């Protein structure tokens, strides 16, 4: 069985730079990764920028990173094939 890590992401489009701001806790108490992208939320551009940024930060191909839920909202559930949750968190911690 293949591994798939899932991560909640709070996306802020239209930022001055593409960057990962680190971990936070949302209103429901879930751990979320705060991410900013320059792209605007038009025709999926911000989502595409998010996938590209996460793939680069994790050192994986874009093809294994997918937005599973929340494509139209700021808080998204992102899946990454081939990584476990601890591996994913370890790669994103300290960026």
N, C-alpha and C. Protein backbone atom coordinates (compact mmCIF):
# COMPACT_ATOMS: atom_id res chain seq x y z
N UNK A 1 0.84 -1.19 0.00
CA UNK A 1 0.00 0.00 0.00
C UNK A 1 0.88 1.25 0.00
N UNK A 2 0.53 2.20 -0.83
CA UNK A 2 1.36 3.40 -0.92
C UNK A 2 0.98 4.38 0.18
N UNK A 3 1.94 5.20 0.53
CA UNK A 3 1.73 6.20 1.58
C UNK A 3 1.13 7.45 0.96
N UNK A 4 0.30 8.12 1.74
CA UNK A 4 -0.16 9.44 1.33
C UNK A 4 -0.35 10.29 2.58
N UNK A 5 0.37 11.40 2.63
CA UNK A 5 0.22 12.34 3.73
C UNK A 5 -0.84 13.36 3.35
N UNK A 6 -1.63 13.77 4.33
CA UNK A 6 -2.62 14.82 4.10
C UNK A 6 -2.31 15.98 5.02
N UNK A 7 -2.47 17.17 4.50
CA UNK A 7 -2.11 18.36 5.26
C UNK A 7 -3.14 19.45 5.00
N UNK A 8 -3.53 20.14 6.05
CA UNK A 8 -4.43 21.29 5.90
C UNK A 8 -3.57 22.53 5.63
N UNK A 9 -3.97 23.31 4.63
CA UNK A 9 -3.21 24.49 4.23
C UNK A 9 -4.13 25.70 4.26
N UNK A 10 -3.66 26.78 4.85
CA UNK A 10 -4.37 28.07 4.83
C UNK A 10 -3.65 28.93 3.80
N UNK A 11 -4.31 29.16 2.66
CA UNK A 11 -3.66 29.84 1.53
C UNK A 11 -4.05 31.31 1.47
N UNK A 12 -3.05 32.16 1.32
CA UNK A 12 -3.27 33.59 1.12
C UNK A 12 -2.77 33.95 -0.27
N UNK A 13 -3.68 34.17 -1.23
CA UNK A 13 -3.25 34.57 -2.58
C UNK A 13 -2.96 36.06 -2.65
N UNK A 14 -2.30 36.47 -3.73
CA UNK A 14 -2.02 37.88 -3.96
C UNK A 14 -0.97 38.46 -3.03
N UNK A 15 -0.09 37.62 -2.49
CA UNK A 15 0.97 38.09 -1.59
C UNK A 15 2.12 38.70 -2.39
N UNK A 16 3.05 39.33 -1.68
CA UNK A 16 4.19 39.95 -2.36
C UNK A 16 5.22 38.92 -2.81
N UNK A 17 5.18 37.72 -2.22
CA UNK A 17 6.13 36.67 -2.58
C UNK A 17 5.51 35.31 -2.28
N UNK A 18 6.00 34.28 -2.97
CA UNK A 18 5.59 32.90 -2.68
C UNK A 18 6.41 32.44 -1.48
N UNK A 19 5.73 32.06 -0.41
CA UNK A 19 6.49 31.57 0.75
C UNK A 19 5.61 30.76 1.69
N UNK A 20 6.27 29.92 2.47
CA UNK A 20 5.61 29.12 3.50
C UNK A 20 5.90 29.80 4.83
N UNK A 21 4.83 30.18 5.53
CA UNK A 21 4.97 30.94 6.79
C UNK A 21 5.04 30.07 8.02
N UNK A 22 4.87 28.76 7.87
CA UNK A 22 4.98 27.87 9.02
C UNK A 22 3.63 27.36 9.50
N UNK A 23 3.66 26.70 10.65
CA UNK A 23 2.48 26.03 11.19
C UNK A 23 1.69 26.96 12.08
N UNK A 24 0.37 26.75 12.11
CA UNK A 24 -0.53 27.53 12.95
C UNK A 24 -1.69 26.61 13.34
N UNK A 25 -2.56 27.10 14.20
CA UNK A 25 -3.76 26.35 14.58
C UNK A 25 -4.96 27.20 14.18
N UNK A 26 -5.91 26.58 13.45
CA UNK A 26 -7.07 27.35 12.99
C UNK A 26 -8.15 27.40 14.07
N UNK A 27 -9.28 28.01 13.74
CA UNK A 27 -10.37 28.21 14.70
C UNK A 27 -10.92 26.90 15.24
N UNK A 28 -10.84 25.83 14.43
CA UNK A 28 -11.34 24.52 14.88
C UNK A 28 -10.29 23.71 15.64
N UNK A 29 -9.10 24.28 15.83
CA UNK A 29 -8.07 23.58 16.57
C UNK A 29 -7.21 22.66 15.73
N UNK A 30 -7.39 22.70 14.39
CA UNK A 30 -6.57 21.86 13.50
C UNK A 30 -5.24 22.55 13.22
N UNK A 31 -4.21 21.76 13.07
CA UNK A 31 -2.91 22.30 12.67
C UNK A 31 -2.96 22.56 11.17
N UNK A 32 -2.60 23.78 10.78
CA UNK A 32 -2.59 24.15 9.36
C UNK A 32 -1.25 24.75 8.99
N UNK A 33 -0.87 24.58 7.74
CA UNK A 33 0.34 25.19 7.21
C UNK A 33 -0.06 26.49 6.53
N UNK A 34 0.55 27.59 6.94
CA UNK A 34 0.22 28.89 6.35
C UNK A 34 1.13 29.11 5.14
N UNK A 35 0.51 29.38 4.00
CA UNK A 35 1.24 29.56 2.74
C UNK A 35 0.74 30.81 2.04
N UNK A 36 1.66 31.58 1.46
CA UNK A 36 1.31 32.76 0.67
C UNK A 36 1.82 32.54 -0.75
N UNK A 37 1.02 32.96 -1.73
CA UNK A 37 1.47 32.90 -3.13
C UNK A 37 1.16 34.22 -3.80
N UNK A 38 1.97 34.57 -4.79
CA UNK A 38 1.75 35.81 -5.55
C UNK A 38 0.53 35.71 -6.44
N UNK A 39 0.24 34.51 -6.92
CA UNK A 39 -0.86 34.32 -7.87
C UNK A 39 -2.19 34.73 -7.26
N UNK A 40 -3.07 35.20 -8.13
CA UNK A 40 -4.42 35.58 -7.73
C UNK A 40 -5.34 34.36 -7.80
N UNK A 41 -6.43 34.37 -7.04
CA UNK A 41 -7.35 33.23 -7.09
C UNK A 41 -8.27 33.29 -8.31
N UNK A 42 -7.65 33.30 -9.50
CA UNK A 42 -8.39 33.38 -10.76
C UNK A 42 -8.06 32.15 -11.59
N UNK A 43 -9.08 31.43 -12.03
CA UNK A 43 -8.90 30.25 -12.89
C UNK A 43 -7.90 29.25 -12.32
N UNK A 44 -7.91 29.09 -11.01
CA UNK A 44 -7.06 28.09 -10.37
C UNK A 44 -5.59 28.45 -10.27
N UNK A 45 -5.24 29.70 -10.58
CA UNK A 45 -3.81 30.09 -10.58
C UNK A 45 -3.20 29.99 -9.18
N UNK A 46 -3.93 30.41 -8.15
CA UNK A 46 -3.38 30.34 -6.79
C UNK A 46 -3.20 28.89 -6.36
N UNK A 47 -4.15 28.03 -6.71
CA UNK A 47 -4.03 26.61 -6.36
C UNK A 47 -2.83 25.99 -7.07
N UNK A 48 -2.64 26.34 -8.33
CA UNK A 48 -1.50 25.82 -9.09
C UNK A 48 -0.18 26.28 -8.46
N UNK A 49 -0.13 27.55 -8.05
CA UNK A 49 1.08 28.08 -7.41
C UNK A 49 1.33 27.36 -6.09
N UNK A 50 0.26 27.04 -5.35
CA UNK A 50 0.40 26.30 -4.09
C UNK A 50 1.00 24.93 -4.33
N UNK A 51 0.48 24.21 -5.30
CA UNK A 51 1.00 22.87 -5.62
C UNK A 51 2.47 22.94 -5.99
N UNK A 52 2.82 23.91 -6.83
CA UNK A 52 4.21 24.06 -7.27
C UNK A 52 5.13 24.38 -6.10
N UNK A 53 4.70 25.29 -5.22
CA UNK A 53 5.52 25.69 -4.07
C UNK A 53 5.71 24.52 -3.09
N UNK A 54 4.62 23.80 -2.80
CA UNK A 54 4.73 22.66 -1.88
C UNK A 54 5.62 21.57 -2.45
N UNK A 55 5.47 21.28 -3.75
CA UNK A 55 6.29 20.24 -4.38
C UNK A 55 7.78 20.60 -4.27
N UNK A 56 8.10 21.86 -4.54
CA UNK A 56 9.50 22.30 -4.47
C UNK A 56 10.01 22.21 -3.03
N UNK A 57 9.21 22.67 -2.07
CA UNK A 57 9.63 22.65 -0.66
C UNK A 57 9.83 21.22 -0.15
N UNK A 58 8.99 20.30 -0.63
CA UNK A 58 9.06 18.91 -0.18
C UNK A 58 10.07 18.08 -0.96
N UNK A 59 10.52 18.60 -2.10
CA UNK A 59 11.45 17.84 -2.93
C UNK A 59 10.79 16.69 -3.66
N UNK A 60 9.53 16.89 -4.07
CA UNK A 60 8.79 15.86 -4.79
C UNK A 60 8.26 16.44 -6.10
N UNK A 61 7.90 15.58 -7.07
CA UNK A 61 7.32 16.09 -8.32
C UNK A 61 5.93 16.69 -8.06
N UNK A 62 5.56 17.68 -8.87
CA UNK A 62 4.23 18.30 -8.75
C UNK A 62 3.12 17.27 -8.92
N UNK A 63 3.39 16.22 -9.68
CA UNK A 63 2.36 15.22 -9.98
C UNK A 63 1.88 14.45 -8.75
N UNK A 64 2.66 14.46 -7.64
CA UNK A 64 2.24 13.72 -6.45
C UNK A 64 1.56 14.61 -5.41
N UNK A 65 1.45 15.90 -5.72
CA UNK A 65 0.79 16.86 -4.81
C UNK A 65 -0.56 17.22 -5.42
N UNK A 66 -1.64 17.05 -4.63
CA UNK A 66 -2.97 17.33 -5.16
C UNK A 66 -3.86 17.98 -4.10
N UNK A 67 -4.64 18.96 -4.53
CA UNK A 67 -5.63 19.56 -3.64
C UNK A 67 -6.84 18.64 -3.65
N UNK A 68 -7.14 18.06 -2.48
CA UNK A 68 -8.22 17.09 -2.38
C UNK A 68 -9.55 17.72 -2.01
N UNK A 69 -9.51 18.76 -1.20
CA UNK A 69 -10.73 19.45 -0.78
C UNK A 69 -10.43 20.92 -0.64
N UNK A 70 -11.46 21.75 -0.85
CA UNK A 70 -11.31 23.17 -0.59
C UNK A 70 -10.71 23.95 -1.74
N UNK A 71 -10.88 23.47 -2.96
CA UNK A 71 -10.32 24.16 -4.12
C UNK A 71 -10.77 25.60 -4.24
N UNK A 72 -11.98 25.90 -3.75
CA UNK A 72 -12.49 27.27 -3.85
C UNK A 72 -12.38 28.04 -2.53
N UNK A 73 -11.87 27.40 -1.48
CA UNK A 73 -11.79 28.11 -0.20
C UNK A 73 -10.34 28.36 0.19
N UNK A 74 -10.15 29.18 1.22
CA UNK A 74 -8.78 29.51 1.65
C UNK A 74 -8.13 28.35 2.39
N UNK A 75 -8.93 27.55 3.10
CA UNK A 75 -8.38 26.39 3.79
C UNK A 75 -8.58 25.16 2.93
N UNK A 76 -7.49 24.50 2.58
CA UNK A 76 -7.52 23.38 1.65
C UNK A 76 -6.93 22.13 2.29
N UNK A 77 -7.36 20.98 1.83
CA UNK A 77 -6.75 19.72 2.24
C UNK A 77 -5.91 19.25 1.05
N UNK A 78 -4.61 19.09 1.30
CA UNK A 78 -3.67 18.72 0.24
C UNK A 78 -3.12 17.34 0.54
N UNK A 79 -3.09 16.48 -0.48
CA UNK A 79 -2.53 15.15 -0.34
C UNK A 79 -1.19 15.08 -1.05
N UNK A 80 -0.25 14.35 -0.46
CA UNK A 80 1.07 14.15 -1.08
C UNK A 80 1.35 12.66 -1.10
N UNK A 81 1.37 12.08 -2.29
CA UNK A 81 1.65 10.65 -2.45
C UNK A 81 3.12 10.35 -2.17
N UNK A 82 3.37 9.20 -1.54
CA UNK A 82 4.74 8.74 -1.35
C UNK A 82 5.40 9.22 -0.08
N UNK A 83 4.72 10.08 0.70
CA UNK A 83 5.28 10.54 1.97
C UNK A 83 4.31 10.20 3.09
N UNK A 84 4.85 9.88 4.25
CA UNK A 84 4.00 9.71 5.43
C UNK A 84 3.82 11.09 6.06
N UNK A 85 2.84 11.21 6.97
CA UNK A 85 2.62 12.49 7.64
C UNK A 85 3.87 12.96 8.39
N UNK A 86 4.56 12.08 9.16
CA UNK A 86 5.77 12.54 9.85
C UNK A 86 6.86 13.01 8.87
N UNK A 87 7.01 12.31 7.73
CA UNK A 87 8.02 12.73 6.74
C UNK A 87 7.67 14.11 6.19
N UNK A 88 6.39 14.31 5.88
CA UNK A 88 5.96 15.58 5.33
C UNK A 88 6.21 16.71 6.33
N UNK A 89 5.82 16.49 7.57
CA UNK A 89 6.00 17.54 8.59
C UNK A 89 7.48 17.82 8.83
N UNK A 90 8.30 16.77 8.81
CA UNK A 90 9.74 16.96 9.02
C UNK A 90 10.35 17.80 7.90
N UNK A 91 9.91 17.56 6.66
CA UNK A 91 10.45 18.31 5.52
C UNK A 91 10.01 19.77 5.53
N UNK A 92 8.82 20.04 6.10
CA UNK A 92 8.30 21.41 6.09
C UNK A 92 8.69 22.21 7.33
N UNK A 93 9.12 21.53 8.38
CA UNK A 93 9.49 22.22 9.60
C UNK A 93 10.88 22.82 9.43
N UNK A 94 11.00 24.07 9.78
CA UNK A 94 12.29 24.73 9.69
C UNK A 94 12.59 25.34 8.35
N UNK A 95 11.58 25.46 7.50
CA UNK A 95 11.81 26.12 6.20
C UNK A 95 11.89 27.62 6.38
